[in-house]
Amino acid sequence: MKVMNYTEIGSEEVAEEDARRVTVRWLIDENDGAPNFAMRLFEVAPGGYTPRHAHPWEHEVFVVGGRGSVYRDGEYVDVKRGDVVFVPPNEDHQFKNDGDSTLSFLCLIPIV
């Protein structure tokens, strides 16, 4: 069992070329013995965004703080603290920080 504060887990810059001002903390993953899912915390600074992309696995997202938008079906939809987002497999998606404080969200993915 792993029990710790998220701040004890290092953050790393999201390295994809088309990401801007985004960090990720791998909170739980296969290194912790999790065989099925990984939990990540993304922090997007004002004006930042994740890469726009698609892949064959789903995402479950919970917005922890801030506000922004998510790309869905050719348009951006507003999200804020407390919102949940389900991204189906193979759907183009991108998160943007449209606010003036950090947009933070938990993102769960299958371990592939």
C-alpha atoms as a PDB file:
ATOM      1  CA  MET A   1       0.000   0.000   0.000  1.00  0.00           C
ATOM      2  CA  LYS A   2       1.187   3.511  -0.774  1.00  0.00           C
ATOM      3  CA  VAL A   3       0.141   6.404   1.437  1.00  0.00           C
ATOM      4  CA  MET A   4       1.771   9.786   0.933  1.00  0.00           C
ATOM      5  CA  ASN A   5       1.076  13.412   0.140  1.00  0.00           C
ATOM      6  CA  TYR A   6       1.087  14.249  -3.563  1.00  0.00           C
ATOM      7  CA  THR A   7       3.656  17.008  -2.968  1.00  0.00           C
ATOM      8  CA  GLU A   8       6.196  14.323  -2.073  1.00  0.00           C
ATOM      9  CA  ILE A   9       6.009  13.046  -5.658  1.00  0.00           C
ATOM     10  CA  GLY A  10       8.129  14.970  -8.116  1.00  0.00           C
ATOM     11  CA  SER A  11       6.590  16.736 -11.064  1.00  0.00           C
ATOM     12  CA  GLU A  12       8.049  16.678 -14.531  1.00  0.00           C
ATOM     13  CA  GLU A  13       7.521  18.940 -17.512  1.00  0.00           C
ATOM     14  CA  VAL A  14       5.310  17.405 -20.190  1.00  0.00           C
ATOM     15  CA  ALA A  15       7.863  16.972 -22.949  1.00  0.00           C
ATOM     16  CA  GLU A  16       5.662  16.726 -26.034  1.00  0.00           C
ATOM     17  CA  GLU A  17       6.574  19.389 -28.539  1.00  0.00           C
ATOM     18  CA  ASP A  18       3.058  20.828 -28.743  1.00  0.00           C
ATOM     19  CA  ALA A  19       2.514  21.112 -24.977  1.00  0.00           C
ATOM     20  CA  ARG A  20       3.076  24.395 -23.178  1.00  0.00           C
ATOM     21  CA  ARG A  21       3.475  25.150 -19.461  1.00  0.00           C
ATOM     22  CA  VAL A  22       2.265  21.710 -18.266  1.00  0.00           C
ATOM     23  CA  THR A  23       3.660  19.439 -15.565  1.00  0.00           C
ATOM     24  CA  VAL A  24       2.622  15.930 -14.547  1.00  0.00           C
ATOM     25  CA  ARG A  25       3.003  13.922 -11.334  1.00  0.00           C
ATOM     26  CA  TRP A  26       2.613  10.146 -11.659  1.00  0.00           C
ATOM     27  CA  LEU A  27       0.744   9.603  -8.380  1.00  0.00           C
ATOM     28  CA  ILE A  28       0.079   5.870  -8.754  1.00  0.00           C
ATOM     29  CA  ASP A  29       1.368   3.546 -11.472  1.00  0.00           C
ATOM     30  CA  GLU A  30       2.887   0.129 -12.086  1.00  0.00           C
ATOM     31  CA  ASN A  31       5.934   1.085  -9.972  1.00  0.00           C
ATOM     32  CA  ASP A  32       3.540   1.103  -7.001  1.00  0.00           C
ATOM     33  CA  GLY A  33       2.169  -2.312  -7.901  1.00  0.00           C
ATOM     34  CA  ALA A  34      -0.930  -1.012  -9.695  1.00  0.00           C
ATOM     35  CA  PRO A  35      -1.572  -3.563 -12.450  1.00  0.00           C
ATOM     36  CA  ASN A  36      -4.471  -1.881 -14.251  1.00  0.00           C
ATOM     37  CA  PHE A  37      -4.613   1.908 -13.921  1.00  0.00           C
ATOM     38  CA  ALA A  38      -2.345   4.900 -13.452  1.00  0.00           C
ATOM     39  CA  MET A  39      -3.355   8.110 -11.674  1.00  0.00           C
ATOM     40  CA  ARG A  40      -1.678  11.325 -12.763  1.00  0.00           C
ATOM     41  CA  LEU A  41      -1.984  14.943 -11.637  1.00  0.00           C
ATOM     42  CA  PHE A  42      -1.576  17.532 -14.382  1.00  0.00           C
ATOM     43  CA  GLU A  43      -0.924  21.173 -13.555  1.00  0.00           C
ATOM     44  CA  VAL A  44      -1.367  23.645 -16.395  1.00  0.00           C
ATOM     45  CA  ALA A  45      -0.143  27.201 -15.855  1.00  0.00           C
ATOM     46  CA  PRO A  46      -2.178  30.141 -17.195  1.00  0.00           C
ATOM     47  CA  GLY A  47      -1.910  30.206 -20.985  1.00  0.00           C
ATOM     48  CA  GLY A  48      -0.692  26.598 -21.056  1.00  0.00           C
ATOM     49  CA  TYR A  49      -2.125  23.558 -22.776  1.00  0.00           C
ATOM     50  CA  THR A  50      -1.647  19.825 -23.226  1.00  0.00           C
ATOM     51  CA  PRO A  51      -0.952  18.429 -26.694  1.00  0.00           C
ATOM     52  CA  ARG A  52      -3.977  17.812 -28.891  1.00  0.00           C
ATOM     53  CA  HIS A  53      -3.970  14.084 -29.581  1.00  0.00           C
ATOM     54  CA  ALA A  54      -5.893  10.797 -29.616  1.00  0.00           C
ATOM     55  CA  HIS A  55      -4.985   7.243 -28.607  1.00  0.00           C
ATOM     56  CA  PRO A  56      -6.728   3.874 -28.242  1.00  0.00           C
ATOM     57  CA  TRP A  57      -7.391   4.137 -24.499  1.00  0.00           C
ATOM     58  CA  GLU A  58      -9.825   6.145 -22.414  1.00  0.00           C
ATOM     59  CA  HIS A  59      -9.233   8.880 -19.817  1.00  0.00           C
ATOM     60  CA  GLU A  60     -11.217   9.633 -16.680  1.00  0.00           C
ATOM     61  CA  VAL A  61     -10.572  13.207 -15.529  1.00  0.00           C
ATOM     62  CA  PHE A  62     -11.530  15.153 -12.399  1.00  0.00           C
ATOM     63  CA  VAL A  63     -10.801  18.896 -12.329  1.00  0.00           C
ATOM     64  CA  VAL A  64      -9.258  19.663  -8.933  1.00  0.00           C
ATOM     65  CA  GLY A  65      -8.702  23.395  -9.342  1.00  0.00           C
ATOM     66  CA  GLY A  66      -8.809  26.327 -11.710  1.00  0.00           C
ATOM     67  CA  ARG A  67     -10.718  26.654 -14.932  1.00  0.00           C
ATOM     68  CA  GLY A  68     -10.050  26.049 -18.576  1.00  0.00           C
ATOM     69  CA  SER A  69     -11.426  24.222 -21.570  1.00  0.00           C
ATOM     70  CA  VAL A  70     -11.240  20.813 -23.198  1.00  0.00           C
ATOM     71  CA  TYR A  71     -11.300  20.136 -26.937  1.00  0.00           C
ATOM     72  CA  ARG A  72     -14.212  17.864 -27.876  1.00  0.00           C
ATOM     73  CA  ASP A  73     -15.876  17.189 -31.226  1.00  0.00           C
ATOM     74  CA  GLY A  74     -14.266  20.156 -32.988  1.00  0.00           C
ATOM     75  CA  GLU A  75     -14.876  22.752 -30.259  1.00  0.00           C
ATOM     76  CA  TYR A  76     -13.684  23.749 -26.801  1.00  0.00           C
ATOM     77  CA  VAL A  77     -15.965  23.187 -23.815  1.00  0.00           C
ATOM     78  CA  ASP A  78     -15.442  25.066 -20.527  1.00  0.00           C
ATOM     79  CA  VAL A  79     -14.354  23.109 -17.441  1.00  0.00           C
ATOM     80  CA  LYS A  80     -13.855  24.219 -13.850  1.00  0.00           C
ATOM     81  CA  ARG A  81     -13.097  22.816 -10.404  1.00  0.00           C
ATOM     82  CA  GLY A  82     -15.398  19.911  -9.629  1.00  0.00           C
ATOM     83  CA  ASP A  83     -16.120  18.963 -13.247  1.00  0.00           C
ATOM     84  CA  VAL A  84     -15.554  15.456 -14.579  1.00  0.00           C
ATOM     85  CA  VAL A  85     -14.546  14.556 -18.126  1.00  0.00           C
ATOM     86  CA  PHE A  86     -14.659  11.167 -19.829  1.00  0.00           C
ATOM     87  CA  VAL A  87     -12.496  10.951 -22.952  1.00  0.00           C
ATOM     88  CA  PRO A  88     -13.399   7.836 -24.982  1.00  0.00           C
ATOM     89  CA  PRO A  89     -10.727   5.901 -26.876  1.00  0.00           C
ATOM     90  CA  ASN A  90      -9.542   7.460 -30.163  1.00  0.00           C
ATOM     91  CA  GLU A  91     -11.160  10.870 -29.534  1.00  0.00           C
ATOM     92  CA  ASP A  92      -9.107  14.008 -30.177  1.00  0.00           C
ATOM     93  CA  HIS A  93      -8.694  15.925 -26.926  1.00  0.00           C
ATOM     94  CA  GLN A  94      -6.693  18.768 -25.420  1.00  0.00           C
ATOM     95  CA  PHE A  95      -6.873  20.702 -22.152  1.00  0.00           C
ATOM     96  CA  LYS A  96      -6.191  24.453 -22.058  1.00  0.00           C
ATOM     97  CA  ASN A  97      -5.878  26.842 -19.142  1.00  0.00           C
ATOM     98  CA  ASP A  98      -8.056  29.845 -19.962  1.00  0.00           C
ATOM     99  CA  GLY A  99      -7.888  31.255 -16.444  1.00  0.00           C
ATOM    100  CA  ASP A 100      -5.476  33.251 -14.314  1.00  0.00           C
ATOM    101  CA  SER A 101      -4.585  30.471 -11.850  1.00  0.00           C
ATOM    102  CA  THR A 102      -3.299  26.921 -12.241  1.00  0.00           C
ATOM    103  CA  LEU A 103      -5.657  24.421 -13.869  1.00  0.00           C
ATOM    104  CA  SER A 104      -5.108  21.101 -12.109  1.00  0.00           C
ATOM    105  CA  PHE A 105      -6.772  17.794 -12.872  1.00  0.00           C
ATOM    106  CA  LEU A 106      -6.486  14.143 -11.983  1.00  0.00           C
ATOM    107  CA  CYS A 107      -6.298  11.867 -14.995  1.00  0.00           C
ATOM    108  CA  LEU A 108      -6.706   8.095 -14.783  1.00  0.00           C
ATOM    109  CA  ILE A 109      -5.585   5.864 -17.627  1.00  0.00           C
ATOM    110  CA  PRO A 110      -5.177   2.141 -18.118  1.00  0.00           C
ATOM    111  CA  ILE A 111      -1.633   0.892 -17.906  1.00  0.00           C
ATOM    112  CA  VAL A 112      -0.830  -0.039 -21.496  1.00  0.00           C
END
